[in-house]
Amino acid sequence: MKKYKKHYEMQAEVKENGKIDHKIVYKGQYYCYQCDEMRLKNMKRIFGGILGILSVILVGMGLINNPGSRRFEITIPYVCCYLPLVYAWLGLFRIIIAPKRMSYVDYDKGYVRLRKSTVGLFVFSVLIMVGELLFWILGKEKFSLHSEWLFLMGGLFFSLILLAFLRIQHCFPCISEKKI
């Protein structure tokens, strides 16, 4: 919480019996999505569906037993994809449980985390495809073209869904409200 301490202040209040009651009060800006309640529910469902599809594709790519998946330049970006995916799920869960008027903490741990995780996933998916293409070009050993092609198409499909997900996130802007 140290990161967010500038958004809160401590207020002391003296009770009738002489005891001091300390309260923590939020003093920062509030953020909200510029849409009605029904569209907000649909947004959460769409985001959950897309993250579910991305999770299935990523696990499915790992289940393909291709020789390229045992290469360093492909395996490292593939394994690194799981961390942003988990953070994207955490961001979505934070958006789901956040009130309509979000504090900066909810905004940062929800909206911003989901955006950054999506960009990170896209970078790693491009690195997976680059590694796979390098394996194809520089590969001197025999490999199964069918499984390598399937893995590459999975990476391409994964990247295209991420691009679409970034575009969809632009359709639901989360902006700050004026301080009251």
C-alpha atoms as a PDB file:
ATOM      1  CA  MET A   1       0.000   0.000   0.000  1.00  0.00           C
ATOM      2  CA  LYS A   2       2.993   2.347   0.160  1.00  0.00           C
ATOM      3  CA  LYS A   3       2.531   3.016  -3.521  1.00  0.00           C
ATOM      4  CA  TYR A   4      -0.949   4.426  -2.912  1.00  0.00           C
ATOM      5  CA  LYS A   5      -0.420   6.296   0.355  1.00  0.00           C
ATOM      6  CA  LYS A   6      -0.541   9.726  -1.308  1.00  0.00           C
ATOM      7  CA  HIS A   7      -4.174   9.013  -2.237  1.00  0.00           C
ATOM      8  CA  TYR A   8      -5.248   8.601   1.397  1.00  0.00           C
ATOM      9  CA  GLU A   9      -5.105  10.729   4.517  1.00  0.00           C
ATOM     10  CA  MET A  10      -5.522   9.978   8.197  1.00  0.00           C
ATOM     11  CA  GLN A  11      -8.231  11.897  10.077  1.00  0.00           C
ATOM     12  CA  ALA A  12      -8.432  11.909  13.841  1.00  0.00           C
ATOM     13  CA  GLU A  13     -11.729  12.339  15.617  1.00  0.00           C
ATOM     14  CA  VAL A  14     -12.221  12.718  19.369  1.00  0.00           C
ATOM     15  CA  LYS A  15     -15.135  10.672  20.726  1.00  0.00           C
ATOM     16  CA  GLU A  16     -17.341  11.608  23.676  1.00  0.00           C
ATOM     17  CA  ASN A  17     -15.413   9.355  26.053  1.00  0.00           C
ATOM     18  CA  GLY A  18     -12.124  11.085  25.165  1.00  0.00           C
ATOM     19  CA  LYS A  19     -10.690   8.375  22.956  1.00  0.00           C
ATOM     20  CA  ILE A  20      -9.219   9.324  19.621  1.00  0.00           C
ATOM     21  CA  ASP A  21     -10.654   7.517  16.616  1.00  0.00           C
ATOM     22  CA  HIS A  22      -8.453   7.410  13.514  1.00  0.00           C
ATOM     23  CA  LYS A  23     -10.051   7.018  10.121  1.00  0.00           C
ATOM     24  CA  ILE A  24      -8.396   6.576   6.763  1.00  0.00           C
ATOM     25  CA  VAL A  25     -10.149   8.661   4.113  1.00  0.00           C
ATOM     26  CA  TYR A  26      -9.640   8.443   0.352  1.00  0.00           C
ATOM     27  CA  LYS A  27      -8.745  11.849  -1.106  1.00  0.00           C
ATOM     28  CA  GLY A  28      -7.708  10.920  -4.638  1.00  0.00           C
ATOM     29  CA  GLN A  29      -9.554  11.022  -7.921  1.00  0.00           C
ATOM     30  CA  TYR A  30     -12.269   8.585  -8.893  1.00  0.00           C
ATOM     31  CA  TYR A  31     -12.371   6.727 -12.202  1.00  0.00           C
ATOM     32  CA  CYS A  32     -15.291   5.182 -14.029  1.00  0.00           C
ATOM     33  CA  TYR A  33     -16.184   3.569 -17.332  1.00  0.00           C
ATOM     34  CA  GLN A  34     -18.246   5.810 -19.583  1.00  0.00           C
ATOM     35  CA  CYS A  35     -21.072   3.374 -20.192  1.00  0.00           C
ATOM     36  CA  ASP A  36     -24.316   2.245 -18.639  1.00  0.00           C
ATOM     37  CA  GLU A  37     -24.696  -0.739 -16.325  1.00  0.00           C
ATOM     38  CA  MET A  38     -25.749  -3.205 -19.053  1.00  0.00           C
ATOM     39  CA  ARG A  39     -22.830  -2.314 -21.322  1.00  0.00           C
ATOM     40  CA  LEU A  40     -20.456  -2.612 -18.352  1.00  0.00           C
ATOM     41  CA  LYS A  41     -21.705  -6.163 -17.650  1.00  0.00           C
ATOM     42  CA  ASN A  42     -21.277  -7.059 -21.322  1.00  0.00           C
ATOM     43  CA  MET A  43     -17.750  -5.621 -21.249  1.00  0.00           C
ATOM     44  CA  LYS A  44     -16.839  -7.834 -18.289  1.00  0.00           C
ATOM     45  CA  ARG A  45     -18.274 -10.902 -20.036  1.00  0.00           C
ATOM     46  CA  ILE A  46     -16.426 -10.114 -23.262  1.00  0.00           C
ATOM     47  CA  PHE A  47     -13.140  -9.577 -21.417  1.00  0.00           C
ATOM     48  CA  GLY A  48     -13.613 -12.839 -19.497  1.00  0.00           C
ATOM     49  CA  GLY A  49     -14.423 -14.740 -22.682  1.00  0.00           C
ATOM     50  CA  ILE A  50     -11.395 -13.379 -24.498  1.00  0.00           C
ATOM     51  CA  LEU A  51      -9.072 -14.188 -21.593  1.00  0.00           C
ATOM     52  CA  GLY A  52     -10.592 -17.677 -21.429  1.00  0.00           C
ATOM     53  CA  ILE A  53      -9.947 -18.218 -25.142  1.00  0.00           C
ATOM     54  CA  LEU A  54      -6.381 -16.917 -24.767  1.00  0.00           C
ATOM     55  CA  SER A  55      -5.776 -19.285 -21.838  1.00  0.00           C
ATOM     56  CA  VAL A  56      -7.058 -22.282 -23.810  1.00  0.00           C
ATOM     57  CA  ILE A  57      -4.923 -21.396 -26.845  1.00  0.00           C
ATOM     58  CA  LEU A  58      -1.787 -20.943 -24.725  1.00  0.00           C
ATOM     59  CA  VAL A  59      -2.251 -24.265 -22.935  1.00  0.00           C
ATOM     60  CA  GLY A  60      -3.130 -25.945 -26.242  1.00  0.00           C
ATOM     61  CA  MET A  61       0.063 -24.632 -27.819  1.00  0.00           C
ATOM     62  CA  GLY A  62       1.988 -26.183 -24.950  1.00  0.00           C
ATOM     63  CA  LEU A  63       0.364 -29.558 -25.524  1.00  0.00           C
ATOM     64  CA  ILE A  64       1.623 -29.743 -29.101  1.00  0.00           C
ATOM     65  CA  ASN A  65       4.662 -31.976 -28.980  1.00  0.00           C
ATOM     66  CA  ASN A  66       6.763 -30.200 -31.581  1.00  0.00           C
ATOM     67  CA  PRO A  67      10.585 -30.204 -31.636  1.00  0.00           C
ATOM     68  CA  GLY A  68      10.642 -26.395 -31.692  1.00  0.00           C
ATOM     69  CA  SER A  69       9.006 -26.222 -28.290  1.00  0.00           C
ATOM     70  CA  ARG A  70      12.151 -27.712 -26.793  1.00  0.00           C
ATOM     71  CA  ARG A  71      14.311 -24.886 -28.138  1.00  0.00           C
ATOM     72  CA  PHE A  72      15.448 -22.011 -25.925  1.00  0.00           C
ATOM     73  CA  GLU A  73      14.321 -19.202 -28.260  1.00  0.00           C
ATOM     74  CA  ILE A  74      10.769 -20.576 -28.312  1.00  0.00           C
ATOM     75  CA  THR A  75      10.395 -22.012 -24.825  1.00  0.00           C
ATOM     76  CA  ILE A  76      11.434 -18.923 -22.843  1.00  0.00           C
ATOM     77  CA  PRO A  77       8.891 -16.529 -24.435  1.00  0.00           C
ATOM     78  CA  TYR A  78       6.219 -19.240 -24.233  1.00  0.00           C
ATOM     79  CA  VAL A  79       6.758 -19.803 -20.518  1.00  0.00           C
ATOM     80  CA  CYS A  80       6.969 -16.038 -19.926  1.00  0.00           C
ATOM     81  CA  CYS A  81       3.478 -15.643 -21.430  1.00  0.00           C
ATOM     82  CA  TYR A  82       1.914 -17.192 -18.357  1.00  0.00           C
ATOM     83  CA  LEU A  83       2.861 -14.356 -15.991  1.00  0.00           C
ATOM     84  CA  PRO A  84       1.115 -11.565 -17.965  1.00  0.00           C
ATOM     85  CA  LEU A  85      -1.838 -13.887 -18.503  1.00  0.00           C
ATOM     86  CA  VAL A  86      -2.210 -14.386 -14.750  1.00  0.00           C
ATOM     87  CA  TYR A  87      -1.887 -10.626 -14.205  1.00  0.00           C
ATOM     88  CA  ALA A  88      -4.530 -10.016 -16.875  1.00  0.00           C
ATOM     89  CA  TRP A  89      -6.891 -12.370 -15.018  1.00  0.00           C
ATOM     90  CA  LEU A  90      -6.119 -10.554 -11.756  1.00  0.00           C
ATOM     91  CA  GLY A  91      -6.853  -7.224 -13.442  1.00  0.00           C
ATOM     92  CA  LEU A  92     -10.157  -8.539 -14.789  1.00  0.00           C
ATOM     93  CA  PHE A  93     -11.175  -9.852 -11.366  1.00  0.00           C
ATOM     94  CA  ARG A  94     -10.358  -6.455  -9.876  1.00  0.00           C
ATOM     95  CA  ILE A  95     -12.528  -4.768 -12.525  1.00  0.00           C
ATOM     96  CA  ILE A  96     -15.361  -7.205 -11.794  1.00  0.00           C
ATOM     97  CA  ILE A  97     -15.383  -6.570  -8.040  1.00  0.00           C
ATOM     98  CA  ALA A  98     -14.687  -2.822  -8.251  1.00  0.00           C
ATOM     99  CA  PRO A  99     -17.550  -0.379  -7.692  1.00  0.00           C
ATOM    100  CA  LYS A 100     -18.785   1.837 -10.520  1.00  0.00           C
ATOM    101  CA  ARG A 101     -16.741   4.764  -9.133  1.00  0.00           C
ATOM    102  CA  MET A 102     -13.275   3.264  -8.763  1.00  0.00           C
ATOM    103  CA  SER A 103     -10.557   4.666  -6.573  1.00  0.00           C
ATOM    104  CA  TYR A 104      -7.075   4.988  -8.008  1.00  0.00           C
ATOM    105  CA  VAL A 105      -6.115   1.667  -6.405  1.00  0.00           C
ATOM    106  CA  ASP A 106      -8.924  -0.155  -8.212  1.00  0.00           C
ATOM    107  CA  TYR A 107      -8.126   1.700 -11.435  1.00  0.00           C
ATOM    108  CA  ASP A 108      -4.432   0.826 -11.239  1.00  0.00           C
ATOM    109  CA  LYS A 109      -4.895  -2.801 -10.200  1.00  0.00           C
ATOM    110  CA  GLY A 110      -7.739  -3.337 -12.652  1.00  0.00           C
ATOM    111  CA  TYR A 111      -7.782  -1.246 -15.799  1.00  0.00           C
ATOM    112  CA  VAL A 112      -4.074  -0.372 -16.010  1.00  0.00           C
ATOM    113  CA  ARG A 113      -2.937  -3.886 -15.069  1.00  0.00           C
ATOM    114  CA  LEU A 114      -5.167  -5.428 -17.740  1.00  0.00           C
ATOM    115  CA  ARG A 115      -3.829  -3.042 -20.416  1.00  0.00           C
ATOM    116  CA  LYS A 116      -0.174  -3.594 -19.509  1.00  0.00           C
ATOM    117  CA  SER A 117      -0.644  -7.360 -19.299  1.00  0.00           C
ATOM    118  CA  THR A 118      -2.251  -7.449 -22.726  1.00  0.00           C
ATOM    119  CA  VAL A 119       0.662  -5.523 -24.218  1.00  0.00           C
ATOM    120  CA  GLY A 120       3.132  -7.847 -22.458  1.00  0.00           C
ATOM    121  CA  LEU A 121       1.307 -10.897 -23.787  1.00  0.00           C
ATOM    122  CA  PHE A 122       1.442  -9.472 -27.288  1.00  0.00           C
ATOM    123  CA  VAL A 123       5.205  -8.858 -27.056  1.00  0.00           C
ATOM    124  CA  PHE A 124       5.843 -12.413 -25.858  1.00  0.00           C
ATOM    125  CA  SER A 125       3.583 -13.886 -28.537  1.00  0.00           C
ATOM    126  CA  VAL A 126       5.533 -12.036 -31.228  1.00  0.00           C
ATOM    127  CA  LEU A 127       8.784 -13.347 -29.704  1.00  0.00           C
ATOM    128  CA  ILE A 128       7.353 -16.884 -29.849  1.00  0.00           C
ATOM    129  CA  MET A 129       6.595 -16.499 -33.552  1.00  0.00           C
ATOM    130  CA  VAL A 130      10.013 -14.978 -34.270  1.00  0.00           C
ATOM    131  CA  GLY A 131      11.679 -17.869 -32.430  1.00  0.00           C
ATOM    132  CA  GLU A 132       9.606 -20.381 -34.352  1.00  0.00           C
ATOM    133  CA  LEU A 133      10.501 -18.768 -37.666  1.00  0.00           C
ATOM    134  CA  LEU A 134      14.199 -18.767 -36.696  1.00  0.00           C
ATOM    135  CA  PHE A 135      13.878 -22.460 -35.889  1.00  0.00           C
ATOM    136  CA  TRP A 136      12.405 -23.080 -39.313  1.00  0.00           C
ATOM    137  CA  ILE A 137      15.042 -21.063 -41.151  1.00  0.00           C
ATOM    138  CA  LEU A 138      18.077 -22.203 -39.180  1.00  0.00           C
ATOM    139  CA  GLY A 139      16.834 -25.699 -38.345  1.00  0.00           C
ATOM    140  CA  LYS A 140      19.179 -28.274 -39.766  1.00  0.00           C
ATOM    141  CA  GLU A 141      17.552 -31.255 -38.090  1.00  0.00           C
ATOM    142  CA  LYS A 142      14.470 -33.018 -39.296  1.00  0.00           C
ATOM    143  CA  PHE A 143      11.266 -31.791 -37.764  1.00  0.00           C
ATOM    144  CA  SER A 144       7.584 -32.438 -38.235  1.00  0.00           C
ATOM    145  CA  LEU A 145       6.276 -29.707 -40.471  1.00  0.00           C
ATOM    146  CA  HIS A 146       2.703 -30.402 -39.389  1.00  0.00           C
ATOM    147  CA  SER A 147       3.296 -29.835 -35.655  1.00  0.00           C
ATOM    148  CA  GLU A 148       5.556 -26.822 -36.250  1.00  0.00           C
ATOM    149  CA  TRP A 149       2.981 -25.289 -38.588  1.00  0.00           C
ATOM    150  CA  LEU A 150       0.253 -25.902 -36.006  1.00  0.00           C
ATOM    151  CA  PHE A 151       2.340 -24.239 -33.277  1.00  0.00           C
ATOM    152  CA  LEU A 152       3.086 -21.239 -35.512  1.00  0.00           C
ATOM    153  CA  MET A 153      -0.584 -20.840 -36.458  1.00  0.00           C
ATOM    154  CA  GLY A 154      -1.509 -21.051 -32.765  1.00  0.00           C
ATOM    155  CA  GLY A 155       0.951 -18.233 -32.042  1.00  0.00           C
ATOM    156  CA  LEU A 156      -0.404 -16.174 -34.925  1.00  0.00           C
ATOM    157  CA  PHE A 157      -4.000 -16.713 -33.815  1.00  0.00           C
ATOM    158  CA  PHE A 158      -2.990 -15.834 -30.234  1.00  0.00           C
ATOM    159  CA  SER A 159      -1.387 -12.577 -31.441  1.00  0.00           C
ATOM    160  CA  LEU A 160      -4.377 -11.609 -33.568  1.00  0.00           C
ATOM    161  CA  ILE A 161      -6.761 -12.145 -30.662  1.00  0.00           C
ATOM    162  CA  LEU A 162      -4.507  -9.983 -28.485  1.00  0.00           C
ATOM    163  CA  LEU A 163      -4.573  -7.197 -31.071  1.00  0.00           C
ATOM    164  CA  ALA A 164      -8.363  -7.406 -31.195  1.00  0.00           C
ATOM    165  CA  PHE A 165      -8.456  -7.385 -27.385  1.00  0.00           C
ATOM    166  CA  LEU A 166      -6.387  -4.196 -27.290  1.00  0.00           C
ATOM    167  CA  ARG A 167      -8.800  -2.585 -29.774  1.00  0.00           C
ATOM    168  CA  ILE A 168     -11.798  -3.681 -27.706  1.00  0.00           C
ATOM    169  CA  GLN A 169     -10.218  -2.192 -24.578  1.00  0.00           C
ATOM    170  CA  HIS A 170     -10.067   1.163 -26.411  1.00  0.00           C
ATOM    171  CA  CYS A 171     -13.838   0.969 -26.901  1.00  0.00           C
ATOM    172  CA  PHE A 172     -14.340   1.011 -23.113  1.00  0.00           C
ATOM    173  CA  PRO A 173     -12.342   3.992 -21.838  1.00  0.00           C
ATOM    174  CA  CYS A 174     -11.968   4.473 -18.102  1.00  0.00           C
ATOM    175  CA  ILE A 175     -11.634   8.170 -17.351  1.00  0.00           C
ATOM    176  CA  SER A 176     -11.202  10.212 -14.191  1.00  0.00           C
ATOM    177  CA  GLU A 177     -14.035  12.170 -12.691  1.00  0.00           C
ATOM    178  CA  LYS A 178     -13.630  15.681 -11.444  1.00  0.00           C
ATOM    179  CA  LYS A 179     -13.028  15.950  -7.725  1.00  0.00           C
ATOM    180  CA  ILE A 180     -16.160  16.898  -5.853  1.00  0.00           C
END
